N, C-alpha and C. Protein backbone atom coordinates (compact mmCIF):
# COMPACT_ATOMS: atom_id res chain seq x y z
N MET A 1 -7.70 17.75 -10.99
CA MET A 1 -7.04 17.86 -10.16
C MET A 1 -5.70 17.93 -10.63
N LEU A 2 -4.75 19.11 -10.10
CA LEU A 2 -3.51 19.69 -10.50
C LEU A 2 -2.60 19.31 -9.47
N LEU A 3 -1.49 18.35 -9.79
CA LEU A 3 -0.47 18.00 -8.86
C LEU A 3 0.83 18.55 -9.28
N LEU A 4 1.50 19.51 -8.32
CA LEU A 4 2.54 20.15 -8.63
C LEU A 4 3.75 19.81 -7.90
N PHE A 5 4.87 19.14 -8.77
CA PHE A 5 5.77 18.33 -8.14
C PHE A 5 7.02 19.53 -7.86
N ASP A 6 7.55 19.40 -6.76
CA ASP A 6 9.02 19.91 -6.87
C ASP A 6 9.98 19.02 -7.41
N ILE A 7 11.21 19.25 -7.73
CA ILE A 7 12.28 18.80 -8.54
C ILE A 7 13.26 18.09 -7.49
N ASP A 8 14.23 18.85 -6.93
CA ASP A 8 15.24 18.38 -6.35
C ASP A 8 14.91 17.67 -4.91
N GLY A 9 15.32 16.37 -4.86
CA GLY A 9 14.91 15.89 -3.54
C GLY A 9 13.55 15.17 -3.24
N THR A 10 12.60 15.64 -4.51
CA THR A 10 11.25 14.81 -4.66
C THR A 10 11.29 13.95 -5.92
N LEU A 11 11.72 14.47 -7.13
CA LEU A 11 11.69 13.61 -8.09
C LEU A 11 13.03 13.03 -8.40
N ILE A 12 13.84 13.89 -8.25
CA ILE A 12 15.30 13.42 -8.52
C ILE A 12 16.34 13.84 -7.62
N ASP A 13 17.60 13.35 -7.28
CA ASP A 13 18.69 13.94 -7.10
C ASP A 13 19.58 13.81 -8.01
N SER A 14 20.13 15.27 -8.20
CA SER A 14 20.90 15.61 -9.39
C SER A 14 22.47 15.32 -8.94
N GLY A 15 22.90 14.57 -8.14
CA GLY A 15 24.14 14.45 -7.84
C GLY A 15 24.87 15.99 -7.72
N GLU A 16 24.29 16.66 -6.85
CA GLU A 16 24.78 17.96 -6.33
C GLU A 16 25.13 18.88 -7.88
N ALA A 17 24.97 18.49 -8.87
CA ALA A 17 24.95 19.36 -9.92
C ALA A 17 24.75 20.65 -9.95
N GLY A 18 23.54 21.22 -9.29
CA GLY A 18 23.40 22.50 -9.09
C GLY A 18 24.39 23.22 -8.06
N THR A 19 24.58 22.67 -7.08
CA THR A 19 25.63 23.44 -6.15
C THR A 19 26.89 23.44 -6.91
N ARG A 20 27.43 22.52 -7.54
CA ARG A 20 28.61 22.64 -8.26
C ARG A 20 28.59 23.84 -9.30
N SER A 21 27.44 23.75 -10.02
CA SER A 21 27.46 24.81 -10.91
C SER A 21 27.27 26.30 -10.40
N LEU A 22 26.74 26.34 -9.30
CA LEU A 22 26.77 27.81 -8.55
C LEU A 22 28.11 27.84 -8.01
N ASN A 23 28.63 26.97 -7.41
CA ASN A 23 30.09 27.22 -7.13
C ASN A 23 31.16 27.57 -8.18
N LEU A 24 30.92 27.06 -9.25
CA LEU A 24 31.72 27.03 -10.59
C LEU A 24 31.48 28.69 -10.90
N ALA A 25 30.02 28.84 -11.02
CA ALA A 25 29.75 30.22 -11.39
C ALA A 25 30.60 31.62 -10.69
N PHE A 26 30.33 31.33 -9.29
CA PHE A 26 31.02 32.26 -8.54
C PHE A 26 32.82 32.09 -8.74
N TRP A 27 33.13 31.18 -8.91
CA TRP A 27 34.65 31.05 -9.22
C TRP A 27 35.00 31.64 -10.55
N GLU A 28 34.36 31.42 -11.57
CA GLU A 28 34.45 32.05 -12.86
C GLU A 28 34.35 33.58 -12.96
N LEU A 29 33.37 34.16 -12.21
CA LEU A 29 32.88 35.38 -12.02
C LEU A 29 33.76 36.13 -11.16
N PHE A 30 34.04 35.89 -9.89
CA PHE A 30 34.40 36.39 -8.74
C PHE A 30 35.88 35.72 -8.05
N SER A 31 36.36 34.61 -8.60
CA SER A 31 37.36 34.21 -8.19
C SER A 31 37.20 33.43 -6.68
N ILE A 32 35.91 33.16 -6.37
CA ILE A 32 35.62 32.63 -5.16
C ILE A 32 35.45 31.37 -4.92
N ARG A 33 36.14 30.48 -4.25
CA ARG A 33 35.93 28.94 -4.18
C ARG A 33 34.97 28.65 -3.20
N ASP A 34 34.01 27.44 -3.61
CA ASP A 34 33.51 26.75 -2.90
C ASP A 34 32.53 27.92 -1.97
N ALA A 35 31.85 29.00 -2.82
CA ALA A 35 31.07 29.94 -2.41
C ALA A 35 30.03 29.54 -1.48
N PHE A 36 29.19 28.59 -1.78
CA PHE A 36 28.10 28.36 -1.28
C PHE A 36 28.19 27.14 -0.22
N ARG A 37 29.32 26.87 0.31
CA ARG A 37 29.68 25.99 1.40
C ARG A 37 28.64 25.91 2.59
N ASP A 38 28.36 27.00 3.16
CA ASP A 38 27.58 27.35 4.15
C ASP A 38 26.18 27.78 4.03
N ILE A 39 26.05 27.93 2.87
CA ILE A 39 24.56 28.40 2.49
C ILE A 39 23.64 27.41 2.37
N GLN A 40 22.51 27.36 3.31
CA GLN A 40 21.51 26.18 3.04
C GLN A 40 20.55 26.63 1.71
N MET A 41 20.43 25.68 0.79
CA MET A 41 19.61 25.69 -0.39
C MET A 41 18.29 25.25 -0.60
N ALA A 42 18.15 24.24 0.47
CA ALA A 42 16.85 23.10 0.40
C ALA A 42 15.54 24.22 0.38
N GLY A 43 14.81 24.09 -0.84
CA GLY A 43 13.55 24.63 -0.88
C GLY A 43 13.65 26.19 -1.04
N LYS A 44 14.63 26.88 -1.30
CA LYS A 44 14.81 28.13 -1.92
C LYS A 44 14.68 28.30 -3.35
N THR A 45 14.56 29.50 -3.80
CA THR A 45 14.66 29.43 -5.39
C THR A 45 16.00 30.16 -5.81
N ASP A 46 16.35 29.59 -6.98
CA ASP A 46 17.75 29.64 -7.27
C ASP A 46 18.06 31.10 -7.32
N ILE A 47 17.03 32.28 -7.59
CA ILE A 47 17.30 33.42 -7.49
C ILE A 47 18.01 34.09 -5.98
N GLN A 48 16.81 33.67 -5.19
CA GLN A 48 17.13 33.66 -3.95
C GLN A 48 18.62 33.45 -3.32
N ILE A 49 18.84 32.05 -3.72
CA ILE A 49 20.21 31.53 -3.25
C ILE A 49 21.46 32.52 -4.03
N MET A 50 21.26 32.57 -5.24
CA MET A 50 22.40 33.57 -5.80
C MET A 50 22.51 35.04 -5.38
N LYS A 51 21.53 35.38 -4.80
CA LYS A 51 21.41 36.86 -4.33
C LYS A 51 21.94 36.95 -2.80
N GLU A 52 21.89 35.27 -2.14
CA GLU A 52 22.30 35.26 -0.76
C GLU A 52 23.80 35.06 -0.76
N GLY A 53 24.07 34.43 -1.96
CA GLY A 53 25.76 34.47 -2.11
C GLY A 53 26.38 35.73 -2.65
N LEU A 54 25.82 36.65 -3.33
CA LEU A 54 26.27 37.81 -3.79
C LEU A 54 26.45 38.74 -2.32
N LEU A 55 25.33 38.67 -1.36
CA LEU A 55 25.29 39.43 -0.34
C LEU A 55 26.49 39.09 0.68
N ARG A 56 26.35 37.97 0.71
CA ARG A 56 27.63 37.28 1.85
C ARG A 56 28.85 37.62 1.30
N TYR A 57 29.08 37.80 0.06
CA TYR A 57 30.49 38.43 -0.27
C TYR A 57 30.54 39.78 -0.44
N GLY A 58 29.51 40.41 -0.23
CA GLY A 58 29.53 42.13 -0.49
C GLY A 58 29.68 42.58 -2.05
N ILE A 59 29.03 41.50 -2.75
CA ILE A 59 29.00 41.91 -4.13
C ILE A 59 27.67 42.41 -4.48
N SER A 60 27.52 43.44 -5.38
CA SER A 60 26.26 44.00 -5.84
C SER A 60 25.67 43.02 -6.70
N VAL A 61 24.04 43.27 -6.37
CA VAL A 61 23.44 42.37 -7.18
C VAL A 61 23.01 42.78 -8.77
N ASP A 62 22.92 44.04 -8.72
CA ASP A 62 22.86 44.87 -9.83
C ASP A 62 23.99 44.49 -10.87
N GLY A 63 23.60 44.22 -12.03
CA GLY A 63 24.78 43.82 -13.09
C GLY A 63 25.33 42.62 -12.81
N ASN A 64 25.17 41.67 -12.01
CA ASN A 64 25.96 40.46 -11.88
C ASN A 64 24.99 39.23 -11.71
N LEU A 65 23.67 39.58 -11.24
CA LEU A 65 22.88 38.40 -11.52
C LEU A 65 22.73 37.80 -12.66
N THR A 66 22.58 38.48 -13.60
CA THR A 66 22.22 38.09 -15.10
C THR A 66 23.49 37.10 -15.77
N HIS A 67 24.79 37.52 -15.13
CA HIS A 67 26.10 36.82 -15.40
C HIS A 67 26.08 35.47 -14.74
N ILE A 68 25.78 35.63 -13.42
CA ILE A 68 25.52 34.44 -12.75
C ILE A 68 24.61 33.33 -13.24
N VAL A 69 23.63 33.78 -13.69
CA VAL A 69 22.40 32.76 -14.16
C VAL A 69 23.06 32.26 -15.51
N GLU A 70 23.61 33.05 -16.35
CA GLU A 70 24.20 32.50 -17.34
C GLU A 70 25.14 31.62 -17.33
N SER A 71 26.09 31.76 -16.43
CA SER A 71 27.53 30.87 -15.87
C SER A 71 26.80 29.48 -15.28
N TYR A 72 25.80 30.03 -14.39
CA TYR A 72 25.29 28.47 -13.83
C TYR A 72 24.61 27.65 -14.65
N LEU A 73 23.86 28.17 -15.61
CA LEU A 73 22.91 27.25 -16.53
C LEU A 73 24.16 26.68 -17.47
N ARG A 74 25.11 27.48 -18.11
CA ARG A 74 25.96 26.59 -18.80
C ARG A 74 26.87 25.35 -17.99
N ASN A 75 27.06 25.79 -16.70
CA ASN A 75 28.03 24.74 -16.15
C ASN A 75 26.92 23.64 -15.86
N LEU A 76 25.64 23.94 -15.41
CA LEU A 76 24.88 22.93 -15.23
C LEU A 76 24.57 21.64 -16.14
N LYS A 77 24.50 22.36 -17.56
CA LYS A 77 24.42 21.11 -18.61
C LYS A 77 25.34 20.43 -18.83
N ARG A 78 26.64 20.66 -18.19
CA ARG A 78 27.77 19.80 -18.29
C ARG A 78 27.67 18.78 -16.69
N GLU A 79 27.51 19.52 -15.52
CA GLU A 79 27.36 18.99 -14.53
C GLU A 79 26.39 17.80 -14.14
N ILE A 80 25.20 18.29 -14.77
CA ILE A 80 23.96 16.95 -14.76
C ILE A 80 24.45 15.57 -15.22
N ASN A 81 25.51 15.63 -16.03
CA ASN A 81 25.99 14.30 -16.75
C ASN A 81 27.12 13.89 -15.69
N ASN A 82 26.58 13.14 -14.61
CA ASN A 82 27.53 12.73 -13.41
C ASN A 82 26.79 11.34 -13.02
N PRO A 83 27.85 10.68 -12.39
CA PRO A 83 27.40 9.15 -11.95
C PRO A 83 26.89 9.22 -10.73
N TRP A 84 26.45 10.20 -10.06
CA TRP A 84 25.82 10.24 -8.73
C TRP A 84 24.25 10.36 -9.00
N ARG A 85 23.71 11.13 -10.07
CA ARG A 85 22.42 11.42 -10.26
C ARG A 85 21.66 10.28 -10.12
N HIS A 86 20.33 10.20 -9.67
CA HIS A 86 19.46 9.46 -9.89
C HIS A 86 17.86 9.98 -9.43
N LEU A 87 17.10 8.93 -9.89
CA LEU A 87 15.61 9.01 -9.35
C LEU A 87 15.24 8.75 -8.18
N LYS A 88 14.19 9.52 -7.64
CA LYS A 88 13.79 9.03 -6.35
C LYS A 88 12.87 7.75 -6.56
N PRO A 89 12.63 7.09 -5.21
CA PRO A 89 12.01 5.79 -5.57
C PRO A 89 10.65 5.94 -6.05
N GLY A 90 10.33 5.33 -6.93
CA GLY A 90 9.08 5.14 -7.30
C GLY A 90 8.56 6.14 -8.39
N ILE A 91 9.12 7.10 -8.77
CA ILE A 91 8.82 8.21 -9.40
C ILE A 91 8.53 7.65 -11.04
N LYS A 92 8.94 7.19 -11.53
CA LYS A 92 8.71 6.76 -13.08
C LYS A 92 7.29 6.14 -12.99
N GLU A 93 7.21 5.29 -12.11
CA GLU A 93 6.10 4.21 -11.99
C GLU A 93 4.66 5.12 -11.80
N LEU A 94 4.83 6.23 -10.69
CA LEU A 94 3.97 7.04 -10.22
C LEU A 94 3.47 8.04 -11.59
N LEU A 95 4.69 8.50 -12.12
CA LEU A 95 4.27 9.51 -13.31
C LEU A 95 3.75 8.82 -14.26
N GLU A 96 4.06 7.58 -14.86
CA GLU A 96 3.22 6.83 -15.71
C GLU A 96 1.95 6.55 -15.43
N ASP A 97 1.53 6.33 -14.29
CA ASP A 97 0.21 6.14 -13.67
C ASP A 97 -0.82 7.43 -13.88
N LEU A 98 -0.25 8.46 -13.32
CA LEU A 98 -0.59 9.57 -13.15
C LEU A 98 -0.91 10.45 -14.52
N SER A 99 0.07 10.25 -15.49
CA SER A 99 -0.31 10.89 -16.75
C SER A 99 -1.39 10.18 -17.64
N ALA A 100 -1.51 9.08 -17.18
CA ALA A 100 -2.70 8.37 -18.28
C ALA A 100 -4.07 8.55 -17.59
N ARG A 101 -3.84 9.20 -16.51
CA ARG A 101 -5.44 9.69 -16.03
C ARG A 101 -6.02 11.23 -16.32
N LYS A 102 -6.99 11.26 -17.20
CA LYS A 102 -7.56 12.25 -17.95
C LYS A 102 -8.20 13.43 -16.85
N ASP A 103 -8.27 12.92 -15.57
CA ASP A 103 -8.82 13.77 -14.55
C ASP A 103 -7.56 14.42 -13.68
N ILE A 104 -6.40 14.20 -13.90
CA ILE A 104 -5.22 14.67 -13.23
C ILE A 104 -4.30 15.32 -14.32
N HIS A 105 -3.86 16.73 -13.82
CA HIS A 105 -2.75 17.22 -14.76
C HIS A 105 -1.45 17.17 -13.85
N LEU A 106 -0.47 17.14 -14.35
CA LEU A 106 0.73 16.96 -13.88
C LEU A 106 1.77 18.29 -14.25
N GLY A 107 2.09 19.09 -13.27
CA GLY A 107 2.84 20.38 -13.47
C GLY A 107 4.18 20.42 -12.36
N LEU A 108 4.85 21.42 -12.46
CA LEU A 108 6.13 21.50 -11.51
C LEU A 108 5.81 22.89 -10.92
N LEU A 109 6.18 22.92 -9.68
CA LEU A 109 6.25 24.17 -8.85
C LEU A 109 7.61 23.86 -8.09
N THR A 110 8.63 24.70 -8.47
CA THR A 110 10.02 24.36 -8.07
C THR A 110 10.70 25.90 -7.97
N GLY A 111 11.77 25.70 -7.19
CA GLY A 111 12.52 27.11 -7.10
C GLY A 111 13.96 27.26 -8.14
N ASN A 112 13.93 26.04 -8.97
CA ASN A 112 14.81 26.03 -10.00
C ASN A 112 14.39 27.04 -11.17
N LEU A 113 15.09 27.63 -11.67
CA LEU A 113 15.17 28.47 -13.02
C LEU A 113 14.29 27.72 -13.71
N GLU A 114 13.72 27.92 -14.96
CA GLU A 114 12.68 27.12 -15.64
C GLU A 114 13.98 26.27 -16.61
N GLU A 115 14.65 27.30 -17.19
CA GLU A 115 15.74 26.32 -17.72
C GLU A 115 16.59 25.28 -17.20
N GLY A 116 16.66 25.63 -15.89
CA GLY A 116 17.58 24.61 -15.15
C GLY A 116 16.67 23.72 -14.87
N ALA A 117 15.51 23.73 -14.47
CA ALA A 117 14.72 22.64 -14.20
C ALA A 117 14.81 21.72 -15.45
N ARG A 118 14.34 22.04 -16.46
CA ARG A 118 14.51 21.30 -17.88
C ARG A 118 15.74 20.70 -17.97
N ILE A 119 16.76 21.43 -17.75
CA ILE A 119 18.12 20.59 -17.94
C ILE A 119 18.21 19.51 -16.75
N LYS A 120 17.79 19.64 -15.55
CA LYS A 120 17.86 18.61 -14.57
C LYS A 120 16.97 17.49 -15.13
N LEU A 121 15.90 17.67 -15.41
CA LEU A 121 14.94 16.53 -15.76
C LEU A 121 15.06 15.64 -16.84
N GLU A 122 15.77 16.51 -17.83
CA GLU A 122 16.01 15.82 -19.19
C GLU A 122 16.54 14.29 -19.14
N PRO A 123 17.81 14.20 -18.51
CA PRO A 123 18.55 12.96 -18.95
C PRO A 123 17.66 11.60 -17.87
N PHE A 124 16.69 12.18 -17.43
CA PHE A 124 15.88 10.88 -16.78
C PHE A 124 14.43 10.97 -17.42
N GLY A 125 14.44 11.60 -18.51
CA GLY A 125 13.32 11.56 -19.45
C GLY A 125 11.95 12.15 -18.88
N LEU A 126 12.23 12.97 -18.05
CA LEU A 126 10.90 13.43 -17.12
C LEU A 126 10.05 14.54 -17.66
N ASN A 127 10.70 15.36 -18.82
CA ASN A 127 9.99 16.57 -19.13
C ASN A 127 8.79 16.29 -19.78
N LYS A 128 8.67 15.26 -20.35
CA LYS A 128 7.50 14.95 -20.93
C LYS A 128 6.02 14.94 -20.14
N TYR A 129 6.25 14.56 -19.00
CA TYR A 129 5.31 14.44 -17.83
C TYR A 129 4.90 15.91 -17.50
N PHE A 130 5.57 17.00 -17.76
CA PHE A 130 5.34 18.10 -17.07
C PHE A 130 5.37 19.39 -18.18
N PRO A 131 4.06 19.61 -18.80
CA PRO A 131 3.90 20.36 -19.81
C PRO A 131 4.14 21.99 -19.36
N SER A 132 3.80 22.18 -18.19
CA SER A 132 4.11 23.58 -17.43
C SER A 132 4.16 23.98 -16.00
N GLY A 133 4.22 24.58 -15.42
CA GLY A 133 4.20 24.79 -14.00
C GLY A 133 4.80 26.41 -13.54
N ALA A 134 5.26 26.51 -12.40
CA ALA A 134 5.74 27.66 -11.99
C ALA A 134 7.22 27.62 -11.56
N PHE A 135 8.22 28.44 -11.53
CA PHE A 135 9.63 28.28 -11.61
C PHE A 135 10.13 29.39 -10.75
N GLY A 136 11.52 29.13 -10.18
CA GLY A 136 12.20 30.30 -9.51
C GLY A 136 12.33 31.36 -10.39
N SER A 137 12.40 31.40 -11.71
CA SER A 137 12.62 32.50 -12.66
C SER A 137 11.51 33.16 -12.93
N ASP A 138 10.07 32.74 -12.48
CA ASP A 138 9.02 33.29 -12.29
C ASP A 138 8.86 34.44 -11.24
N HIS A 139 9.31 34.22 -10.14
CA HIS A 139 9.37 34.89 -8.66
C HIS A 139 10.46 34.09 -7.84
N GLU A 140 11.12 35.06 -7.06
CA GLU A 140 11.93 34.58 -6.24
C GLU A 140 11.46 34.21 -5.14
N ASP A 141 10.31 34.65 -4.61
CA ASP A 141 9.69 34.33 -3.45
C ASP A 141 8.66 32.90 -3.98
N ARG A 142 8.94 31.69 -3.31
CA ARG A 142 8.36 30.46 -3.62
C ARG A 142 6.90 30.64 -3.24
N ASN A 143 6.22 31.35 -2.45
CA ASN A 143 5.14 31.45 -1.88
C ASN A 143 4.36 32.12 -2.74
N SER A 144 4.73 32.78 -3.98
CA SER A 144 4.17 33.56 -4.88
C SER A 144 3.81 32.57 -6.24
N LEU A 145 4.38 31.28 -6.21
CA LEU A 145 4.51 30.46 -7.57
C LEU A 145 3.20 29.83 -7.92
N LEU A 146 2.54 29.36 -6.65
CA LEU A 146 1.12 28.55 -6.97
C LEU A 146 0.18 29.41 -7.71
N PRO A 147 -0.31 30.52 -7.77
CA PRO A 147 -1.04 31.18 -8.69
C PRO A 147 -0.48 31.51 -9.99
N ILE A 148 0.75 31.35 -10.22
CA ILE A 148 1.38 31.17 -11.51
C ILE A 148 1.02 29.89 -12.20
N ALA A 149 1.57 28.96 -11.55
CA ALA A 149 1.03 27.67 -12.07
C ALA A 149 -0.50 27.34 -12.47
N ILE A 150 -1.21 27.84 -11.53
CA ILE A 150 -2.74 27.85 -11.82
C ILE A 150 -3.08 28.63 -13.26
N GLU A 151 -2.55 29.61 -13.40
CA GLU A 151 -2.91 30.55 -14.58
C GLU A 151 -2.18 29.96 -15.69
N ARG A 152 -1.07 29.33 -15.74
CA ARG A 152 -0.63 28.66 -16.90
C ARG A 152 -1.39 27.43 -17.19
N PHE A 153 -1.96 26.86 -16.37
CA PHE A 153 -2.85 25.55 -16.56
C PHE A 153 -3.97 25.87 -17.04
N LYS A 154 -4.60 27.13 -16.70
CA LYS A 154 -5.77 27.59 -17.28
C LYS A 154 -5.64 27.74 -18.79
N VAL A 155 -4.43 28.65 -19.04
CA VAL A 155 -4.39 28.87 -20.57
C VAL A 155 -4.13 27.45 -21.29
N LEU A 156 -3.48 26.57 -20.71
CA LEU A 156 -2.88 25.35 -21.38
C LEU A 156 -4.14 24.43 -21.57
N THR A 157 -4.86 24.35 -20.61
CA THR A 157 -6.13 23.16 -20.74
C THR A 157 -7.61 24.02 -20.86
N GLY A 158 -7.53 25.45 -20.62
CA GLY A 158 -8.88 25.75 -20.71
C GLY A 158 -9.73 25.55 -19.63
N LYS A 159 -9.10 24.94 -18.54
CA LYS A 159 -9.78 24.69 -17.15
C LYS A 159 -9.34 25.62 -16.01
N ARG A 160 -10.60 25.95 -15.29
CA ARG A 160 -10.15 26.72 -13.95
C ARG A 160 -9.91 26.07 -12.69
N PHE A 161 -8.79 25.90 -12.20
CA PHE A 161 -8.41 25.14 -11.26
C PHE A 161 -8.39 26.20 -10.03
N ARG A 162 -9.16 25.70 -8.85
CA ARG A 162 -9.26 26.16 -7.60
C ARG A 162 -8.08 25.89 -6.88
N PRO A 163 -7.34 26.70 -5.92
CA PRO A 163 -6.32 26.26 -5.18
C PRO A 163 -6.50 25.02 -4.49
N GLU A 164 -7.81 24.79 -3.99
CA GLU A 164 -8.21 23.62 -3.35
C GLU A 164 -7.98 22.47 -4.31
N ASP A 165 -8.08 22.51 -5.54
CA ASP A 165 -7.90 21.46 -6.47
C ASP A 165 -6.58 21.08 -6.88
N CYS A 166 -5.70 21.83 -6.12
CA CYS A 166 -4.01 21.55 -6.35
C CYS A 166 -3.49 20.93 -5.05
N ILE A 167 -2.68 19.94 -5.29
CA ILE A 167 -1.66 19.56 -4.50
C ILE A 167 -0.28 19.78 -4.73
N VAL A 168 0.38 20.57 -3.83
CA VAL A 168 1.87 20.64 -3.80
C VAL A 168 2.65 19.44 -3.23
N ILE A 169 3.68 18.72 -3.84
CA ILE A 169 4.29 17.78 -3.57
C ILE A 169 5.93 18.05 -3.48
N GLY A 170 6.38 17.97 -2.28
CA GLY A 170 7.72 18.28 -1.99
C GLY A 170 8.52 17.81 -0.97
N ASP A 171 9.89 18.01 -0.65
CA ASP A 171 10.61 17.22 0.30
C ASP A 171 11.10 18.34 1.38
N THR A 172 10.47 19.71 1.26
CA THR A 172 11.12 20.54 2.21
C THR A 172 9.84 21.07 2.97
N PRO A 173 9.81 21.91 4.13
CA PRO A 173 9.07 22.88 4.74
C PRO A 173 8.56 23.77 3.85
N ARG A 174 9.38 24.47 3.17
CA ARG A 174 8.90 25.32 2.06
C ARG A 174 8.00 25.03 1.05
N ASP A 175 8.24 23.76 0.63
CA ASP A 175 7.21 23.19 -0.35
C ASP A 175 5.74 23.23 0.46
N VAL A 176 5.65 22.75 1.77
CA VAL A 176 4.29 23.00 2.41
C VAL A 176 3.89 24.43 2.48
N TYR A 177 4.84 25.10 2.90
CA TYR A 177 4.61 26.66 3.26
C TYR A 177 3.77 27.22 1.79
N CYS A 178 4.34 26.85 1.05
CA CYS A 178 4.15 27.63 -0.34
C CYS A 178 2.47 27.25 -0.61
N SER A 179 1.96 26.07 0.03
CA SER A 179 0.51 25.99 -0.36
C SER A 179 -0.43 26.43 0.42
N LYS A 180 0.08 27.03 1.72
CA LYS A 180 -0.65 27.29 2.81
C LYS A 180 -1.49 28.69 2.65
N PRO A 181 -1.06 29.65 1.83
CA PRO A 181 -1.70 30.87 1.73
C PRO A 181 -2.93 30.74 1.03
N TYR A 182 -2.87 29.86 0.23
CA TYR A 182 -4.19 29.44 -0.78
C TYR A 182 -5.05 28.80 -0.45
N GLY A 183 -4.74 27.81 0.29
CA GLY A 183 -5.78 26.75 0.68
C GLY A 183 -5.36 25.31 -0.06
N ALA A 184 -4.36 25.32 -0.75
CA ALA A 184 -4.05 24.05 -1.51
C ALA A 184 -3.61 22.97 -0.61
N LYS A 185 -3.55 21.72 -0.93
CA LYS A 185 -3.17 20.71 -0.18
C LYS A 185 -1.63 20.60 -0.40
N SER A 186 -0.95 19.63 0.37
CA SER A 186 0.38 19.47 0.42
C SER A 186 0.57 18.17 0.96
N ILE A 187 1.57 17.57 0.21
CA ILE A 187 2.50 16.10 0.58
C ILE A 187 3.51 16.49 0.79
N GLY A 188 4.22 15.92 1.72
CA GLY A 188 5.68 15.95 2.05
C GLY A 188 6.27 14.62 1.60
N VAL A 189 7.83 14.57 1.48
CA VAL A 189 8.03 13.27 0.94
C VAL A 189 9.53 13.51 1.56
N ALA A 190 9.88 12.63 2.49
CA ALA A 190 11.22 12.64 3.34
C ALA A 190 12.33 11.83 2.59
N THR A 191 12.39 12.28 1.28
CA THR A 191 13.48 11.93 0.50
C THR A 191 14.75 12.91 0.09
N GLY A 192 14.33 14.09 0.82
CA GLY A 192 15.57 14.94 0.76
C GLY A 192 16.06 15.18 2.09
N PRO A 193 16.56 16.56 2.33
CA PRO A 193 17.44 16.74 3.70
C PRO A 193 16.42 16.62 5.02
N TYR A 194 15.31 16.54 4.93
CA TYR A 194 14.18 16.88 5.94
C TYR A 194 13.54 15.50 6.10
N LYS A 195 13.50 15.07 7.51
CA LYS A 195 12.81 13.81 8.09
C LYS A 195 11.07 13.90 8.00
N ALA A 196 10.41 12.74 7.91
CA ALA A 196 9.11 13.06 7.82
C ALA A 196 8.54 14.09 9.11
N GLU A 197 9.07 13.64 10.37
CA GLU A 197 8.75 14.61 11.56
C GLU A 197 8.51 16.29 11.05
N ALA A 198 9.55 16.74 10.29
CA ALA A 198 9.81 17.86 10.37
C ALA A 198 8.73 18.52 9.20
N LEU A 199 8.35 17.46 8.20
CA LEU A 199 7.32 18.05 7.34
C LEU A 199 6.11 17.93 8.03
N LYS A 200 5.77 16.91 8.90
CA LYS A 200 4.33 17.04 9.55
C LYS A 200 4.31 18.21 10.37
N LYS A 201 5.46 18.50 11.04
CA LYS A 201 5.45 19.78 11.94
C LYS A 201 5.09 21.01 10.87
N ALA A 202 5.51 21.27 9.84
CA ALA A 202 5.33 22.14 8.83
C ALA A 202 4.00 22.30 8.36
N GLY A 203 3.18 21.26 8.62
CA GLY A 203 1.62 21.38 8.18
C GLY A 203 1.48 20.53 7.02
N ALA A 204 2.11 19.58 6.42
CA ALA A 204 1.86 18.69 5.20
C ALA A 204 0.62 18.03 5.79
N ASP A 205 -0.29 17.92 4.72
CA ASP A 205 -1.44 17.12 5.09
C ASP A 205 -1.22 15.49 5.25
N VAL A 206 -0.40 15.34 4.26
CA VAL A 206 -0.01 13.89 4.37
C VAL A 206 1.73 14.06 4.19
N VAL A 207 2.28 13.00 4.67
CA VAL A 207 3.76 12.59 4.66
C VAL A 207 3.96 11.33 4.22
N PHE A 208 5.12 10.93 3.26
CA PHE A 208 5.54 9.54 2.94
C PHE A 208 7.08 9.80 3.04
N GLU A 209 7.42 8.48 3.39
CA GLU A 209 8.89 8.25 3.52
C GLU A 209 9.44 8.48 2.21
N ASP A 210 8.73 7.65 1.13
CA ASP A 210 9.20 8.21 -0.29
C ASP A 210 8.17 7.82 -0.86
N LEU A 211 8.02 7.69 -2.31
CA LEU A 211 6.74 7.46 -3.25
C LEU A 211 6.89 6.13 -3.70
N GLY A 212 7.40 5.31 -3.12
CA GLY A 212 7.70 3.83 -3.80
C GLY A 212 6.60 2.85 -3.70
N ASN A 213 5.65 3.22 -2.77
CA ASN A 213 4.40 2.32 -2.75
C ASN A 213 3.28 2.87 -3.73
N LEU A 214 3.31 2.27 -4.98
CA LEU A 214 2.56 3.07 -5.62
C LEU A 214 0.92 3.08 -5.37
N LYS A 215 0.63 1.86 -4.92
CA LYS A 215 -0.87 1.83 -4.59
C LYS A 215 -1.13 2.73 -3.46
N GLU A 216 -0.27 2.77 -2.50
CA GLU A 216 -0.60 3.90 -1.26
C GLU A 216 -0.51 5.17 -1.84
N VAL A 217 0.25 5.43 -2.56
CA VAL A 217 0.07 6.75 -2.96
C VAL A 217 -0.72 7.44 -3.75
N LEU A 218 -1.14 6.38 -4.77
CA LEU A 218 -2.60 6.61 -5.48
C LEU A 218 -3.61 6.76 -4.76
N ASP A 219 -3.90 5.76 -3.63
CA ASP A 219 -5.07 5.76 -2.73
C ASP A 219 -5.00 7.32 -2.06
N ILE A 220 -4.31 7.92 -1.47
CA ILE A 220 -4.34 9.02 -1.13
C ILE A 220 -4.50 10.21 -2.01
N LEU A 221 -3.64 10.14 -3.23
CA LEU A 221 -3.88 11.23 -4.21
C LEU A 221 -5.44 11.35 -4.75
N ILE A 222 -5.88 10.08 -4.99
CA ILE A 222 -7.26 10.05 -5.41
C ILE A 222 -8.17 10.16 -4.47
N GLY A 223 -8.08 9.88 -2.79
CA GLY A 223 -8.70 10.39 -2.13
C GLY A 223 -8.73 11.68 -1.75
N PHE A 224 -8.00 12.64 -2.05
CA PHE A 224 -7.88 14.18 -1.88
C PHE A 224 -9.04 14.59 -2.75
């Protein structure tokens, strides 16, 4: 079984480090303050969000996107060191248990750029649990990420994972939606901006308020 976790709102709360870093990038490059104040980010890929910001202010994507990525990542390395960041409930215990099981593989499926994902996870000591995955730097459409993650784990482990062997775990409807075209299962976790009802409506196979009840979560995962 391949379990693919989202990051922001699911594994961690970065203390809004990502938003601050994007705002800082637009200030540094275009002298625009608080550029993303009215842009919804939850569940989108970083590239998608950056392009949305550029289009909003009438700035060309060509020639600017690379500079935004560089500035964003540079700022993120600093902004992730803040007093508001924290792990979501039960995450460390769950990952410790799952990583010890030989029949389960842990990966990431996230809208974060790969480097940004690693920056966000590093202060919590979580990178060691996730040898690979699919990222917003692989494709700006989140719905295209699952096959990329499957292929990477095939190379990494020598195993052929079918989509139905995969479970996508995330806190937004977009996490749920990205599993649907392929027949993968999905678990919604109401630890982000969306309530459990919204995740159920999106079609999640199972929804948890959080992942703090280790036995309950493991029973569901193993039951799949």
